[in-house]
Amino acid sequence: MHERWKCIGCGACTAVAPEHWEMADDGYADLVDSRHSQTEDGILEEKTLTPDQVDENQNAADSCPADCIHIKEKI
């Protein structure tokens, strides 16, 4: 999941996983092909990942200085 309201637009996620992340016109990152929902805090982006997508997106989360990308295991 991507807590978009915390994004600082550094582009680290797009650098390490460009097939999953892109910079939007407003200068902040978007998770490609994700579901968007409005929360009290801002826009939340969510996407179900295939097993082969987890490592690349975990690298994006690890590189994010804003700590706004979270990989959660589906229960």
PDB file of N, CA and C in Angstrom:
ATOM      1  N   MET A   1       0.841  -1.173   0.000  1.00  0.00           N
ATOM      2  CA  MET A   1       0.000   0.000   0.000  1.00  0.00           C
ATOM      3  C   MET A   1       0.882   1.230   0.000  1.00  0.00           C
ATOM      4  N   HIS A   2       0.334   2.305  -0.512  1.00  0.00           N
ATOM      5  CA  HIS A   2       1.075   3.562  -0.613  1.00  0.00           C
ATOM      6  C   HIS A   2       0.253   4.661   0.035  1.00  0.00           C
ATOM      7  N   GLU A   3       0.775   5.208   1.111  1.00  0.00           N
ATOM      8  CA  GLU A   3       0.133   6.345   1.771  1.00  0.00           C
ATOM      9  C   GLU A   3       0.599   7.597   1.022  1.00  0.00           C
ATOM     10  N   ARG A   4      -0.117   7.925  -0.046  1.00  0.00           N
ATOM     11  CA  ARG A   4       0.330   8.951  -0.980  1.00  0.00           C
ATOM     12  C   ARG A   4       0.502  10.316  -0.314  1.00  0.00           C
ATOM     13  N   TRP A   5      -0.280  10.604   0.703  1.00  0.00           N
ATOM     14  CA  TRP A   5      -0.197  11.899   1.371  1.00  0.00           C
ATOM     15  C   TRP A   5       1.139  12.089   2.087  1.00  0.00           C
ATOM     16  N   LYS A   6       1.876  11.026   2.327  1.00  0.00           N
ATOM     17  CA  LYS A   6       3.185  11.122   2.971  1.00  0.00           C
ATOM     18  C   LYS A   6       4.323  11.258   1.958  1.00  0.00           C
ATOM     19  N   CYS A   7       4.032  11.019   0.693  1.00  0.00           N
ATOM     20  CA  CYS A   7       5.057  11.035  -0.357  1.00  0.00           C
ATOM     21  C   CYS A   7       5.700  12.421  -0.448  1.00  0.00           C
ATOM     22  N   ILE A   8       7.035  12.434  -0.584  1.00  0.00           N
ATOM     23  CA  ILE A   8       7.755  13.697  -0.721  1.00  0.00           C
ATOM     24  C   ILE A   8       8.242  13.924  -2.154  1.00  0.00           C
ATOM     25  N   GLY A   9       7.957  12.972  -3.042  1.00  0.00           N
ATOM     26  CA  GLY A   9       8.298  13.132  -4.455  1.00  0.00           C
ATOM     27  C   GLY A   9       9.764  12.956  -4.775  1.00  0.00           C
ATOM     28  N   CYS A  10      10.498  12.187  -3.981  1.00  0.00           N
ATOM     29  CA  CYS A  10      11.942  12.031  -4.214  1.00  0.00           C
ATOM     30  C   CYS A  10      12.250  11.134  -5.409  1.00  0.00           C
ATOM     31  N   GLY A  11      11.337  10.238  -5.758  1.00  0.00           N
ATOM     32  CA  GLY A  11      11.521   9.372  -6.920  1.00  0.00           C
ATOM     33  C   GLY A  11      12.327   8.114  -6.671  1.00  0.00           C
ATOM     34  N   ALA A  12      12.664   7.820  -5.431  1.00  0.00           N
ATOM     35  CA  ALA A  12      13.440   6.616  -5.138  1.00  0.00           C
ATOM     36  C   ALA A  12      12.698   5.352  -5.581  1.00  0.00           C
ATOM     37  N   CYS A  13      11.408   5.297  -5.364  1.00  0.00           N
ATOM     38  CA  CYS A  13      10.625   4.115  -5.745  1.00  0.00           C
ATOM     39  C   CYS A  13      10.651   3.903  -7.257  1.00  0.00           C
ATOM     40  N   THR A  14      10.552   4.985  -8.017  1.00  0.00           N
ATOM     41  CA  THR A  14      10.566   4.861  -9.479  1.00  0.00           C
ATOM     42  C   THR A  14      11.951   4.462  -9.980  1.00  0.00           C
ATOM     43  N   ALA A  15      12.985   4.806  -9.240  1.00  0.00           N
ATOM     44  CA  ALA A  15      14.340   4.446  -9.640  1.00  0.00           C
ATOM     45  C   ALA A  15      14.609   2.958  -9.454  1.00  0.00           C
ATOM     46  N   VAL A  16      14.084   2.372  -8.371  1.00  0.00           N
ATOM     47  CA  VAL A  16      14.366   0.952  -8.098  1.00  0.00           C
ATOM     48  C   VAL A  16      13.318   0.004  -8.660  1.00  0.00           C
ATOM     49  N   ALA A  17      12.103   0.497  -8.924  1.00  0.00           N
ATOM     50  CA  ALA A  17      11.040  -0.370  -9.458  1.00  0.00           C
ATOM     51  C   ALA A  17      10.180   0.401 -10.465  1.00  0.00           C
ATOM     52  N   PRO A  18      10.776   0.822 -11.582  1.00  0.00           N
ATOM     53  CA  PRO A  18      10.049   1.670 -12.535  1.00  0.00           C
ATOM     54  C   PRO A  18       8.853   1.001 -13.204  1.00  0.00           C
ATOM     55  N   GLU A  19       8.809  -0.314 -13.205  1.00  0.00           N
ATOM     56  CA  GLU A  19       7.659  -0.988 -13.785  1.00  0.00           C
ATOM     57  C   GLU A  19       6.441  -0.969 -12.858  1.00  0.00           C
ATOM     58  N   HIS A  20       6.652  -0.581 -11.602  1.00  0.00           N
ATOM     59  CA  HIS A  20       5.565  -0.552 -10.621  1.00  0.00           C
ATOM     60  C   HIS A  20       5.237   0.855 -10.114  1.00  0.00           C
ATOM     61  N   TRP A  21       6.168   1.787 -10.289  1.00  0.00           N
ATOM     62  CA  TRP A  21       6.017   3.138  -9.751  1.00  0.00           C
ATOM     63  C   TRP A  21       6.273   4.166 -10.835  1.00  0.00           C
ATOM     64  N   GLU A  22       5.494   5.255 -10.804  1.00  0.00           N
ATOM     65  CA  GLU A  22       5.700   6.350 -11.750  1.00  0.00           C
ATOM     66  C   GLU A  22       5.440   7.667 -11.040  1.00  0.00           C
ATOM     67  N   MET A  23       6.062   8.701 -11.543  1.00  0.00           N
ATOM     68  CA  MET A  23       5.852  10.035 -10.984  1.00  0.00           C
ATOM     69  C   MET A  23       4.654  10.665 -11.694  1.00  0.00           C
ATOM     70  N   ALA A  24       3.729  11.179 -10.928  1.00  0.00           N
ATOM     71  CA  ALA A  24       2.524  11.813 -11.462  1.00  0.00           C
ATOM     72  C   ALA A  24       2.819  13.268 -11.813  1.00  0.00           C
ATOM     73  N   ASP A  25       1.895  13.877 -12.512  1.00  0.00           N
ATOM     74  CA  ASP A  25       2.048  15.276 -12.925  1.00  0.00           C
ATOM     75  C   ASP A  25       2.198  16.225 -11.740  1.00  0.00           C
ATOM     76  N   ASP A  26       1.679  15.832 -10.567  1.00  0.00           N
ATOM     77  CA  ASP A  26       1.789  16.708  -9.395  1.00  0.00           C
ATOM     78  C   ASP A  26       3.118  16.553  -8.655  1.00  0.00           C
ATOM     79  N   GLY A  27       4.012  15.691  -9.187  1.00  0.00           N
ATOM     80  CA  GLY A  27       5.333  15.534  -8.595  1.00  0.00           C
ATOM     81  C   GLY A  27       5.451  14.455  -7.537  1.00  0.00           C
ATOM     82  N   TYR A  28       4.388  13.701  -7.298  1.00  0.00           N
ATOM     83  CA  TYR A  28       4.409  12.639  -6.306  1.00  0.00           C
ATOM     84  C   TYR A  28       4.290  11.285  -6.994  1.00  0.00           C
ATOM     85  N   ALA A  29       4.692  10.233  -6.304  1.00  0.00           N
ATOM     86  CA  ALA A  29       4.696   8.894  -6.873  1.00  0.00           C
ATOM     87  C   ALA A  29       3.295   8.281  -6.874  1.00  0.00           C
ATOM     88  N   ASP A  30       3.079   7.435  -7.874  1.00  0.00           N
ATOM     89  CA  ASP A  30       1.859   6.641  -7.976  1.00  0.00           C
ATOM     90  C   ASP A  30       2.239   5.182  -8.161  1.00  0.00           C
ATOM     91  N   LEU A  31       1.512   4.305  -7.501  1.00  0.00           N
ATOM     92  CA  LEU A  31       1.651   2.871  -7.682  1.00  0.00           C
ATOM     93  C   LEU A  31       0.849   2.502  -8.919  1.00  0.00           C
ATOM     94  N   VAL A  32       1.522   1.980  -9.935  1.00  0.00           N
ATOM     95  CA  VAL A  32       0.894   1.679 -11.218  1.00  0.00           C
ATOM     96  C   VAL A  32      -0.218   0.646 -11.039  1.00  0.00           C
ATOM     97  N   ASP A  33      -1.354   0.899 -11.693  1.00  0.00           N
ATOM     98  CA  ASP A  33      -2.513  -0.009 -11.702  1.00  0.00           C
ATOM     99  C   ASP A  33      -3.050  -0.321 -10.303  1.00  0.00           C
ATOM    100  N   SER A  34      -3.059   0.678  -9.442  1.00  0.00           N
ATOM    101  CA  SER A  34      -3.554   0.463  -8.073  1.00  0.00           C
ATOM    102  C   SER A  34      -4.961   1.017  -7.896  1.00  0.00           C
ATOM    103  N   ARG A  35      -5.595   0.560  -6.828  1.00  0.00           N
ATOM    104  CA  ARG A  35      -6.902   1.089  -6.425  1.00  0.00           C
ATOM    105  C   ARG A  35      -6.655   2.291  -5.528  1.00  0.00           C
ATOM    106  N   HIS A  36      -7.411   3.345  -5.756  1.00  0.00           N
ATOM    107  CA  HIS A  36      -7.268   4.565  -4.958  1.00  0.00           C
ATOM    108  C   HIS A  36      -8.490   4.732  -4.071  1.00  0.00           C
ATOM    109  N   SER A  37      -8.254   5.084  -2.828  1.00  0.00           N
ATOM    110  CA  SER A  37      -9.368   5.410  -1.940  1.00  0.00           C
ATOM    111  C   SER A  37      -8.992   6.651  -1.134  1.00  0.00           C
ATOM    112  N   GLN A  38      -9.995   7.432  -0.827  1.00  0.00           N
ATOM    113  CA  GLN A  38      -9.792   8.647  -0.042  1.00  0.00           C
ATOM    114  C   GLN A  38      -9.985   8.306   1.428  1.00  0.00           C
ATOM    115  N   THR A  39      -8.985   8.610   2.239  1.00  0.00           N
ATOM    116  CA  THR A  39      -9.078   8.410   3.677  1.00  0.00           C
ATOM    117  C   THR A  39      -9.107   9.779   4.347  1.00  0.00           C
ATOM    118  N   GLU A  40      -9.228   9.805   5.646  1.00  0.00           N
ATOM    119  CA  GLU A  40      -9.189  11.080   6.372  1.00  0.00           C
ATOM    120  C   GLU A  40      -7.860  11.793   6.161  1.00  0.00           C
ATOM    121  N   ASP A  41      -6.787  11.009   5.988  1.00  0.00           N
ATOM    122  CA  ASP A  41      -5.456  11.584   5.835  1.00  0.00           C
ATOM    123  C   ASP A  41      -5.133  11.987   4.401  1.00  0.00           C
ATOM    124  N   GLY A  42      -5.683  11.270   3.443  1.00  0.00           N
ATOM    125  CA  GLY A  42      -5.394  11.531   2.041  1.00  0.00           C
ATOM    126  C   GLY A  42      -5.636  10.300   1.201  1.00  0.00           C
ATOM    127  N   ILE A  43      -4.993  10.243   0.039  1.00  0.00           N
ATOM    128  CA  ILE A  43      -5.209   9.142  -0.902  1.00  0.00           C
ATOM    129  C   ILE A  43      -4.365   7.932  -0.515  1.00  0.00           C
ATOM    130  N   LEU A  44      -5.020   6.785  -0.458  1.00  0.00           N
ATOM    131  CA  LEU A  44      -4.371   5.510  -0.193  1.00  0.00           C
ATOM    132  C   LEU A  44      -4.431   4.697  -1.476  1.00  0.00           C
ATOM    133  N   GLU A  45      -3.282   4.193  -1.920  1.00  0.00           N
ATOM    134  CA  GLU A  45      -3.218   3.354  -3.111  1.00  0.00           C
ATOM    135  C   GLU A  45      -2.923   1.925  -2.669  1.00  0.00           C
ATOM    136  N   GLU A  46      -3.678   0.961  -3.221  1.00  0.00           N
ATOM    137  CA  GLU A  46      -3.485  -0.435  -2.859  1.00  0.00           C
ATOM    138  C   GLU A  46      -3.487  -1.299  -4.110  1.00  0.00           C
ATOM    139  N   LYS A  47      -2.703  -2.363  -4.057  1.00  0.00           N
ATOM    140  CA  LYS A  47      -2.590  -3.273  -5.189  1.00  0.00           C
ATOM    141  C   LYS A  47      -2.200  -4.641  -4.659  1.00  0.00           C
ATOM    142  N   THR A  48      -2.836  -5.679  -5.175  1.00  0.00           N
ATOM    143  CA  THR A  48      -2.444  -7.041  -4.834  1.00  0.00           C
ATOM    144  C   THR A  48      -1.257  -7.405  -5.712  1.00  0.00           C
ATOM    145  N   LEU A  49      -0.178  -7.822  -5.085  1.00  0.00           N
ATOM    146  CA  LEU A  49       1.039  -8.156  -5.810  1.00  0.00           C
ATOM    147  C   LEU A  49       1.140  -9.654  -6.032  1.00  0.00           C
ATOM    148  N   THR A  50       1.705 -10.029  -7.167  1.00  0.00           N
ATOM    149  CA  THR A  50       2.035 -11.429  -7.399  1.00  0.00           C
ATOM    150  C   THR A  50       3.325 -11.718  -6.640  1.00  0.00           C
ATOM    151  N   PRO A  51       3.614 -12.980  -6.371  1.00  0.00           N
ATOM    152  CA  PRO A  51       4.841 -13.295  -5.627  1.00  0.00           C
ATOM    153  C   PRO A  51       6.112 -12.718  -6.267  1.00  0.00           C
ATOM    154  N   ASP A  52       6.174 -12.676  -7.591  1.00  0.00           N
ATOM    155  CA  ASP A  52       7.379 -12.153  -8.241  1.00  0.00           C
ATOM    156  C   ASP A  52       7.468 -10.627  -8.192  1.00  0.00           C
ATOM    157  N   GLN A  53       6.407  -9.950  -7.807  1.00  0.00           N
ATOM    158  CA  GLN A  53       6.416  -8.490  -7.681  1.00  0.00           C
ATOM    159  C   GLN A  53       6.780  -8.017  -6.275  1.00  0.00           C
ATOM    160  N   VAL A  54       6.747  -8.902  -5.318  1.00  0.00           N
ATOM    161  CA  VAL A  54       6.963  -8.512  -3.925  1.00  0.00           C
ATOM    162  C   VAL A  54       8.368  -7.966  -3.693  1.00  0.00           C
ATOM    163  N   ASP A  55       9.393  -8.650  -4.171  1.00  0.00           N
ATOM    164  CA  ASP A  55      10.776  -8.213  -3.925  1.00  0.00           C
ATOM    165  C   ASP A  55      11.045  -6.830  -4.497  1.00  0.00           C
ATOM    166  N   GLU A  56      10.595  -6.581  -5.737  1.00  0.00           N
ATOM    167  CA  GLU A  56      10.828  -5.274  -6.354  1.00  0.00           C
ATOM    168  C   GLU A  56      10.129  -4.167  -5.574  1.00  0.00           C
ATOM    169  N   ASN A  57       8.916  -4.428  -5.135  1.00  0.00           N
ATOM    170  CA  ASN A  57       8.180  -3.423  -4.381  1.00  0.00           C
ATOM    171  C   ASN A  57       8.723  -3.281  -2.964  1.00  0.00           C
ATOM    172  N   GLN A  58       9.278  -4.350  -2.398  1.00  0.00           N
ATOM    173  CA  GLN A  58       9.931  -4.234  -1.096  1.00  0.00           C
ATOM    174  C   GLN A  58      11.171  -3.357  -1.216  1.00  0.00           C
ATOM    175  N   ASN A  59      11.884  -3.462  -2.337  1.00  0.00           N
ATOM    176  CA  ASN A  59      13.030  -2.585  -2.580  1.00  0.00           C
ATOM    177  C   ASN A  59      12.581  -1.129  -2.655  1.00  0.00           C
ATOM    178  N   ALA A  60      11.439  -0.886  -3.286  1.00  0.00           N
ATOM    179  CA  ALA A  60      10.893   0.474  -3.356  1.00  0.00           C
ATOM    180  C   ALA A  60      10.560   0.977  -1.952  1.00  0.00           C
ATOM    181  N   ALA A  61       9.931   0.120  -1.151  1.00  0.00           N
ATOM    182  CA  ALA A  61       9.587   0.502   0.222  1.00  0.00           C
ATOM    183  C   ALA A  61      10.840   0.785   1.041  1.00  0.00           C
ATOM    184  N   ASP A  62      11.859  -0.050   0.887  1.00  0.00           N
ATOM    185  CA  ASP A  62      13.099   0.121   1.640  1.00  0.00           C
ATOM    186  C   ASP A  62      13.844   1.393   1.244  1.00  0.00           C
ATOM    187  N   SER A  63      13.681   1.823  -0.003  1.00  0.00           N
ATOM    188  CA  SER A  63      14.388   3.013  -0.482  1.00  0.00           C
ATOM    189  C   SER A  63      13.644   4.314  -0.180  1.00  0.00           C
ATOM    190  N   CYS A  64      12.407   4.218   0.283  1.00  0.00           N
ATOM    191  CA  CYS A  64      11.569   5.397   0.495  1.00  0.00           C
ATOM    192  C   CYS A  64      11.925   6.113   1.806  1.00  0.00           C
ATOM    193  N   PRO A  65      12.429   7.350   1.718  1.00  0.00           N
ATOM    194  CA  PRO A  65      12.772   8.072   2.944  1.00  0.00           C
ATOM    195  C   PRO A  65      11.550   8.557   3.726  1.00  0.00           C
ATOM    196  N   ALA A  66      10.394   8.596   3.077  1.00  0.00           N
ATOM    197  CA  ALA A  66       9.170   9.057   3.738  1.00  0.00           C
ATOM    198  C   ALA A  66       8.416   7.922   4.417  1.00  0.00           C
ATOM    199  N   ASP A  67       8.869   6.687   4.227  1.00  0.00           N
ATOM    200  CA  ASP A  67       8.223   5.507   4.813  1.00  0.00           C
ATOM    201  C   ASP A  67       6.733   5.477   4.515  1.00  0.00           C
ATOM    202  N   CYS A  68       6.380   5.708   3.255  1.00  0.00           N
ATOM    203  CA  CYS A  68       4.962   5.722   2.878  1.00  0.00           C
ATOM    204  C   CYS A  68       4.552   4.519   2.044  1.00  0.00           C
ATOM    205  N   ILE A  69       5.486   3.593   1.778  1.00  0.00           N
ATOM    206  CA  ILE A  69       5.194   2.377   1.029  1.00  0.00           C
ATOM    207  C   ILE A  69       5.292   1.201   1.998  1.00  0.00           C
ATOM    208  N   HIS A  70       4.245   0.389   2.011  1.00  0.00           N
ATOM    209  CA  HIS A  70       4.202  -0.735   2.945  1.00  0.00           C
ATOM    210  C   HIS A  70       3.772  -1.994   2.198  1.00  0.00           C
ATOM    211  N   ILE A  71       4.554  -3.053   2.345  1.00  0.00           N
ATOM    212  CA  ILE A  71       4.233  -4.342   1.762  1.00  0.00           C
ATOM    213  C   ILE A  71       3.670  -5.193   2.883  1.00  0.00           C
ATOM    214  N   LYS A  72       2.427  -5.617   2.694  1.00  0.00           N
ATOM    215  CA  LYS A  72       1.771  -6.416   3.731  1.00  0.00           C
ATOM    216  C   LYS A  72       1.362  -7.752   3.149  1.00  0.00           C
ATOM    217  N   GLU A  73       1.543  -8.774   3.947  1.00  0.00           N
ATOM    218  CA  GLU A  73       1.153 -10.106   3.523  1.00  0.00           C
ATOM    219  C   GLU A  73      -0.350 -10.248   3.667  1.00  0.00           C
ATOM    220  N   LYS A  74      -0.961 -10.778   2.632  1.00  0.00           N
ATOM    221  CA  LYS A  74      -2.407 -10.989   2.649  1.00  0.00           C
ATOM    222  C   LYS A  74      -2.730 -12.159   3.569  1.00  0.00           C
ATOM    223  N   ILE A  75      -3.682 -11.933   4.451  1.00  0.00           N
ATOM    224  CA  ILE A  75      -4.048 -12.982   5.425  1.00  0.00           C
ATOM    225  C   ILE A  75      -5.329 -13.638   5.001  1.00  0.00           C
TER     226      ILE A  75
END
